[in-house]
Amino acid sequence: MVHASAPASADVVSDGSFTIVELPAVEQAATIVHQGLMDNVMSTIQTMARWIETNGYVSTGLNRELYLDYGCNDQPETWVTEMQEPVRKA
């Protein structure tokens, strides 16, 4: 199963092929910005995971990806994605 999200106006109605939910707020998150193809995102995720562990945090939920500049041009090396990992002190 994949959870994907996009901002939507309140009047969007599901046709049954997807579900509309409001994401809960995240009190605290580790974040990192990835630039470039998502094919190369694993090293960015690993950097964030090392930071979480090194600084005494643990993950508390599903991560989120915020697409800041993505897919609107033919230069994927310029795409910008913010990775967010809900955390708490261990």
N, C-alpha and C. Protein backbone atom coordinates (compact mmCIF):
# COMPACT_ATOMS: atom_id res chain seq x y z
N MET A 1 0.84 -1.16 0.00
CA MET A 1 0.00 0.00 0.00
C MET A 1 0.90 1.24 0.00
N VAL A 2 0.48 2.24 -0.72
CA VAL A 2 1.20 3.51 -0.79
C VAL A 2 0.28 4.60 -0.27
N HIS A 3 0.83 5.43 0.61
CA HIS A 3 0.12 6.62 1.04
C HIS A 3 0.73 7.80 0.30
N ALA A 4 -0.09 8.50 -0.44
CA ALA A 4 0.36 9.69 -1.16
C ALA A 4 -0.58 10.82 -0.80
N SER A 5 -0.07 12.03 -0.87
CA SER A 5 -0.95 13.15 -0.53
C SER A 5 -0.70 14.32 -1.45
N ALA A 6 -1.69 15.16 -1.50
CA ALA A 6 -1.61 16.41 -2.25
C ALA A 6 -2.59 17.38 -1.62
N PRO A 7 -2.25 18.65 -1.58
CA PRO A 7 -3.21 19.62 -1.06
C PRO A 7 -4.48 19.58 -1.91
N ALA A 8 -5.61 19.73 -1.26
CA ALA A 8 -6.88 19.69 -1.99
C ALA A 8 -7.85 20.66 -1.34
N SER A 9 -8.76 21.17 -2.15
CA SER A 9 -9.80 22.03 -1.59
C SER A 9 -10.80 21.16 -0.83
N ALA A 10 -11.56 21.76 0.04
CA ALA A 10 -12.50 21.02 0.88
C ALA A 10 -13.63 20.38 0.09
N ASP A 11 -13.86 20.79 -1.13
CA ASP A 11 -14.99 20.26 -1.88
C ASP A 11 -14.63 19.08 -2.79
N VAL A 12 -13.44 18.51 -2.64
CA VAL A 12 -13.06 17.33 -3.43
C VAL A 12 -13.87 16.14 -2.94
N VAL A 13 -14.40 15.36 -3.88
CA VAL A 13 -15.19 14.18 -3.54
C VAL A 13 -14.50 12.96 -4.14
N SER A 14 -14.33 11.93 -3.32
CA SER A 14 -13.68 10.70 -3.79
C SER A 14 -14.64 9.92 -4.68
N ASP A 15 -14.09 9.33 -5.74
CA ASP A 15 -14.89 8.47 -6.61
C ASP A 15 -14.76 7.01 -6.17
N GLY A 16 -14.15 6.76 -5.03
CA GLY A 16 -13.96 5.41 -4.52
C GLY A 16 -12.59 4.83 -4.82
N SER A 17 -11.85 5.42 -5.75
CA SER A 17 -10.53 4.91 -6.07
C SER A 17 -9.45 5.48 -5.15
N PHE A 18 -9.82 6.45 -4.31
CA PHE A 18 -8.90 7.02 -3.33
C PHE A 18 -9.70 7.48 -2.13
N THR A 19 -9.01 7.76 -1.05
CA THR A 19 -9.65 8.21 0.18
C THR A 19 -9.11 9.58 0.55
N ILE A 20 -9.97 10.45 0.98
CA ILE A 20 -9.57 11.77 1.42
C ILE A 20 -9.43 11.76 2.94
N VAL A 21 -8.26 12.14 3.42
CA VAL A 21 -8.02 12.21 4.86
C VAL A 21 -7.27 13.50 5.18
N GLU A 22 -7.37 13.93 6.42
CA GLU A 22 -6.56 15.05 6.87
C GLU A 22 -5.40 14.48 7.67
N LEU A 23 -4.20 14.81 7.26
CA LEU A 23 -3.02 14.30 7.95
C LEU A 23 -2.92 14.95 9.32
N PRO A 24 -2.61 14.15 10.34
CA PRO A 24 -2.45 14.74 11.67
C PRO A 24 -1.18 15.59 11.73
N ALA A 25 -1.21 16.56 12.61
CA ALA A 25 -0.02 17.40 12.80
C ALA A 25 1.11 16.56 13.37
N VAL A 26 2.32 16.94 13.04
CA VAL A 26 3.52 16.29 13.57
C VAL A 26 4.16 17.28 14.53
N GLU A 27 4.30 16.88 15.81
CA GLU A 27 4.87 17.79 16.81
C GLU A 27 6.33 18.11 16.54
N GLN A 28 7.09 17.09 16.17
CA GLN A 28 8.53 17.27 15.98
C GLN A 28 8.98 16.36 14.85
N ALA A 29 9.81 16.88 13.98
CA ALA A 29 10.29 16.07 12.85
C ALA A 29 11.73 16.41 12.53
N ALA A 30 12.45 15.40 12.11
CA ALA A 30 13.75 15.62 11.48
C ALA A 30 13.46 15.86 10.01
N THR A 31 14.12 16.84 9.42
CA THR A 31 13.89 17.13 8.01
C THR A 31 15.21 17.29 7.29
N ILE A 32 15.16 17.00 6.00
CA ILE A 32 16.33 17.18 5.15
C ILE A 32 15.82 17.48 3.74
N VAL A 33 16.55 18.29 3.01
CA VAL A 33 16.15 18.63 1.64
C VAL A 33 17.01 17.85 0.66
N HIS A 34 16.33 17.20 -0.29
CA HIS A 34 16.99 16.44 -1.35
C HIS A 34 16.83 17.20 -2.65
N GLN A 35 17.91 17.35 -3.40
CA GLN A 35 17.82 17.98 -4.71
C GLN A 35 18.22 16.97 -5.76
N GLY A 36 17.39 16.84 -6.79
CA GLY A 36 17.69 15.93 -7.89
C GLY A 36 16.67 14.82 -8.01
N LEU A 37 17.02 13.85 -8.85
CA LEU A 37 16.15 12.71 -9.12
C LEU A 37 15.81 11.94 -7.86
N MET A 38 14.58 11.47 -7.76
CA MET A 38 14.19 10.65 -6.62
C MET A 38 14.87 9.28 -6.69
N ASP A 39 15.37 8.90 -7.85
CA ASP A 39 16.13 7.65 -7.97
C ASP A 39 17.36 7.66 -7.07
N ASN A 40 17.83 8.86 -6.72
CA ASN A 40 19.04 9.02 -5.92
C ASN A 40 18.76 9.44 -4.48
N VAL A 41 17.54 9.28 -4.01
CA VAL A 41 17.15 9.80 -2.71
C VAL A 41 17.67 8.97 -1.53
N MET A 42 18.05 7.73 -1.75
CA MET A 42 18.41 6.85 -0.63
C MET A 42 19.56 7.41 0.20
N SER A 43 20.56 8.02 -0.41
CA SER A 43 21.67 8.57 0.38
C SER A 43 21.20 9.73 1.25
N THR A 44 20.24 10.51 0.78
CA THR A 44 19.68 11.59 1.58
C THR A 44 18.91 11.03 2.77
N ILE A 45 18.12 9.99 2.54
CA ILE A 45 17.37 9.35 3.62
C ILE A 45 18.32 8.75 4.64
N GLN A 46 19.40 8.13 4.17
CA GLN A 46 20.38 7.54 5.10
C GLN A 46 21.07 8.61 5.93
N THR A 47 21.35 9.76 5.35
CA THR A 47 21.94 10.87 6.10
C THR A 47 21.00 11.32 7.22
N MET A 48 19.71 11.44 6.91
CA MET A 48 18.75 11.83 7.93
C MET A 48 18.64 10.76 9.01
N ALA A 49 18.63 9.49 8.62
CA ALA A 49 18.54 8.40 9.59
C ALA A 49 19.74 8.41 10.54
N ARG A 50 20.93 8.65 10.00
CA ARG A 50 22.12 8.74 10.86
C ARG A 50 22.00 9.91 11.83
N TRP A 51 21.49 11.05 11.37
CA TRP A 51 21.32 12.21 12.24
C TRP A 51 20.35 11.88 13.37
N ILE A 52 19.24 11.23 13.03
CA ILE A 52 18.24 10.86 14.04
C ILE A 52 18.88 10.01 15.13
N GLU A 53 19.59 8.97 14.72
CA GLU A 53 20.22 8.06 15.69
C GLU A 53 21.32 8.76 16.49
N THR A 54 22.20 9.48 15.82
CA THR A 54 23.33 10.15 16.46
C THR A 54 22.88 11.17 17.50
N ASN A 55 21.75 11.82 17.25
CA ASN A 55 21.27 12.87 18.14
C ASN A 55 20.24 12.39 19.16
N GLY A 56 20.08 11.07 19.28
CA GLY A 56 19.25 10.51 20.33
C GLY A 56 17.75 10.58 20.10
N TYR A 57 17.34 10.50 18.85
CA TYR A 57 15.92 10.50 18.52
C TYR A 57 15.51 9.13 17.98
N VAL A 58 14.21 8.88 17.98
CA VAL A 58 13.65 7.69 17.33
C VAL A 58 12.46 8.12 16.48
N SER A 59 12.21 7.38 15.43
CA SER A 59 11.09 7.64 14.55
C SER A 59 9.78 7.31 15.27
N THR A 60 8.75 8.11 15.01
CA THR A 60 7.45 7.86 15.65
C THR A 60 6.32 7.66 14.66
N GLY A 61 6.62 7.57 13.39
CA GLY A 61 5.53 7.40 12.43
C GLY A 61 6.04 7.35 11.01
N LEU A 62 5.10 7.41 10.09
CA LEU A 62 5.43 7.36 8.67
C LEU A 62 6.08 8.66 8.23
N ASN A 63 7.10 8.53 7.37
CA ASN A 63 7.75 9.74 6.86
C ASN A 63 6.87 10.41 5.82
N ARG A 64 7.20 11.66 5.55
CA ARG A 64 6.46 12.45 4.56
C ARG A 64 7.46 13.06 3.59
N GLU A 65 6.99 13.28 2.38
CA GLU A 65 7.80 13.95 1.36
C GLU A 65 7.02 15.17 0.90
N LEU A 66 7.66 16.30 0.93
CA LEU A 66 7.04 17.54 0.48
C LEU A 66 7.75 17.97 -0.80
N TYR A 67 7.03 17.94 -1.91
CA TYR A 67 7.62 18.26 -3.21
C TYR A 67 7.60 19.77 -3.41
N LEU A 68 8.75 20.39 -3.24
CA LEU A 68 8.86 21.84 -3.32
C LEU A 68 8.98 22.33 -4.75
N ASP A 69 9.71 21.61 -5.58
CA ASP A 69 9.87 21.94 -6.99
C ASP A 69 10.08 20.62 -7.71
N TYR A 70 9.01 20.09 -8.32
CA TYR A 70 9.07 18.72 -8.79
C TYR A 70 8.27 18.52 -10.07
N GLY A 71 8.93 18.03 -11.08
CA GLY A 71 8.24 17.56 -12.27
C GLY A 71 7.63 18.62 -13.17
N CYS A 72 7.86 19.87 -12.87
CA CYS A 72 7.27 20.92 -13.69
C CYS A 72 8.21 21.37 -14.80
N ASN A 73 9.33 20.69 -14.89
CA ASN A 73 10.28 21.05 -15.95
C ASN A 73 10.99 19.79 -16.42
N ASP A 74 11.79 19.93 -17.45
CA ASP A 74 12.49 18.77 -18.00
C ASP A 74 13.91 18.66 -17.46
N GLN A 75 14.16 19.25 -16.28
CA GLN A 75 15.48 19.20 -15.66
C GLN A 75 15.37 18.56 -14.27
N PRO A 76 15.27 17.24 -14.21
CA PRO A 76 15.06 16.57 -12.92
C PRO A 76 16.18 16.82 -11.91
N GLU A 77 17.35 17.20 -12.37
CA GLU A 77 18.44 17.50 -11.43
C GLU A 77 18.12 18.74 -10.59
N THR A 78 17.11 19.52 -10.98
CA THR A 78 16.73 20.71 -10.22
C THR A 78 15.56 20.46 -9.27
N TRP A 79 14.96 19.27 -9.31
CA TRP A 79 13.82 18.99 -8.44
C TRP A 79 14.25 19.10 -6.98
N VAL A 80 13.36 19.60 -6.13
CA VAL A 80 13.66 19.78 -4.71
C VAL A 80 12.55 19.13 -3.87
N THR A 81 12.95 18.24 -2.97
CA THR A 81 12.02 17.50 -2.13
C THR A 81 12.47 17.60 -0.67
N GLU A 82 11.55 17.95 0.22
CA GLU A 82 11.85 17.94 1.65
C GLU A 82 11.37 16.62 2.24
N MET A 83 12.27 15.89 2.87
CA MET A 83 11.95 14.64 3.54
C MET A 83 11.67 14.98 5.01
N GLN A 84 10.58 14.45 5.56
CA GLN A 84 10.20 14.73 6.95
C GLN A 84 9.99 13.41 7.68
N GLU A 85 10.62 13.24 8.83
CA GLU A 85 10.49 12.03 9.63
C GLU A 85 10.03 12.43 11.04
N PRO A 86 8.80 12.06 11.43
CA PRO A 86 8.36 12.36 12.80
C PRO A 86 9.29 11.68 13.80
N VAL A 87 9.70 12.43 14.83
CA VAL A 87 10.65 11.89 15.81
C VAL A 87 10.29 12.34 17.23
N ARG A 88 10.91 11.65 18.19
CA ARG A 88 10.88 12.05 19.59
C ARG A 88 12.21 11.66 20.19
N LYS A 89 12.57 12.30 21.30
CA LYS A 89 13.79 11.93 21.99
C LYS A 89 13.65 10.51 22.51
N ALA A 90 14.73 9.73 22.39
CA ALA A 90 14.71 8.33 22.83
C ALA A 90 14.67 8.26 24.35
